[in-house]
Amino acid sequence: MRYEATVTINNRLGLHARPAFRFTQLANEFDSDIWLTKGKKVVDGKNILDVLTLACPHGSVLKIVADGPDADQAVSRLKALVESRFGELD
């Protein structure tokens, strides 16, 4: 089953190395395939180098897409991670 959600990067420094690591670490807990989309660019949400190539400063709008047996849970938890500003206190 395929699920998706649109999120906005709200932490001050954007999707830099630490939040990208947290995102991919969480994404890899799921069996579903996970992608991140920014504009027309689509990358593997389980690969940190791919995620970093999106170059997402504060305010960037991304789409999280998951397809597989736990896609609903994956999208829900990844969306919550982004909305929590990756746990950063900025």
Protein backbone atom coordinates (compact mmCIF):
# COMPACT_ATOMS: atom_id res chain seq x y z
CA MET A 1 0.00 0.00 0.00
CA ARG A 2 1.27 3.49 -0.83
CA TYR A 3 1.04 6.44 1.58
CA GLU A 4 2.38 9.97 1.40
CA ALA A 5 2.52 13.19 3.37
CA THR A 6 3.75 16.71 2.69
CA VAL A 7 6.00 18.31 5.31
CA THR A 8 7.88 21.58 5.75
CA ILE A 9 11.40 21.72 7.15
CA ASN A 10 11.07 24.08 10.11
CA ASN A 11 14.33 23.71 11.99
CA ARG A 12 16.60 26.72 11.58
CA LEU A 13 19.49 24.94 9.82
CA GLY A 14 17.32 22.85 7.50
CA LEU A 15 17.89 19.23 6.63
CA HIS A 16 21.62 19.11 7.40
CA ALA A 17 23.66 16.03 8.34
CA ARG A 18 22.27 15.33 11.81
CA PRO A 19 18.56 15.48 10.90
CA ALA A 20 19.26 13.63 7.65
CA PHE A 21 20.88 10.87 9.71
CA ARG A 22 17.90 10.75 12.07
CA PHE A 23 15.50 10.59 9.12
CA THR A 24 17.36 7.76 7.36
CA GLN A 25 17.92 5.89 10.61
CA LEU A 26 14.17 5.89 11.28
CA ALA A 27 13.33 5.14 7.63
CA ASN A 28 15.52 2.04 7.76
CA GLU A 29 13.42 0.61 10.59
CA PHE A 30 10.63 -0.04 8.08
CA ASP A 31 10.27 -2.72 5.42
CA SER A 32 8.56 -0.33 3.00
CA ASP A 33 10.38 1.56 0.27
CA ILE A 34 10.63 5.23 1.25
CA TRP A 35 11.29 8.23 -0.96
CA LEU A 36 11.65 11.95 -0.37
CA THR A 37 10.55 14.36 -3.07
CA LYS A 38 11.50 18.03 -3.42
CA GLY A 39 10.07 19.58 -6.54
CA LYS A 40 10.84 17.13 -9.33
CA LYS A 41 13.75 15.48 -7.53
CA VAL A 42 13.06 12.10 -5.90
CA VAL A 43 15.60 10.36 -3.67
CA ASP A 44 15.82 7.19 -1.59
CA GLY A 45 14.72 8.15 1.92
CA LYS A 46 16.84 5.36 3.39
CA ASN A 47 20.11 6.66 1.93
CA ILE A 48 21.72 9.56 3.80
CA LEU A 49 23.77 10.76 0.84
CA ASP A 50 20.65 10.86 -1.34
CA VAL A 51 18.75 12.79 1.34
CA LEU A 52 21.58 15.32 1.70
CA THR A 53 21.60 15.95 -2.07
CA LEU A 54 18.12 17.47 -1.79
CA ALA A 55 19.70 20.57 -0.19
CA CYS A 56 16.74 21.51 2.02
CA PRO A 57 17.12 24.78 3.92
CA HIS A 58 14.56 26.06 6.42
CA GLY A 59 11.15 26.33 4.77
CA SER A 60 11.67 23.60 2.18
CA VAL A 61 8.55 21.60 1.35
CA LEU A 62 9.06 17.85 0.92
CA LYS A 63 6.84 14.91 0.21
CA ILE A 64 7.43 11.67 2.10
CA VAL A 65 6.26 8.66 0.10
CA ALA A 66 6.26 5.05 1.30
CA ASP A 67 5.13 1.88 -0.41
CA GLY A 68 5.01 -1.46 1.34
CA PRO A 69 3.57 -3.44 4.22
CA ASP A 70 4.20 -0.79 6.91
CA ALA A 71 3.97 2.32 4.71
CA ASP A 72 1.29 3.98 6.84
CA GLN A 73 3.39 3.69 10.00
CA ALA A 74 6.53 4.80 8.16
CA VAL A 75 4.93 7.97 6.81
CA SER A 76 3.28 8.76 10.13
CA ARG A 77 6.49 8.42 12.17
CA LEU A 78 8.70 10.19 9.62
CA LYS A 79 6.22 13.05 9.38
CA ALA A 80 6.21 13.34 13.18
CA LEU A 81 10.03 13.41 13.18
CA VAL A 82 10.10 16.29 10.68
CA GLU A 83 7.34 18.16 12.54
CA SER A 84 9.32 17.81 15.79
CA ARG A 85 12.19 19.61 14.00
CA PHE A 86 14.23 16.42 14.34
CA GLY A 87 14.49 17.01 18.07
CA GLU A 88 16.58 20.14 17.59
CA LEU A 89 15.93 22.99 20.02
CA ASP A 90 16.54 25.93 17.68
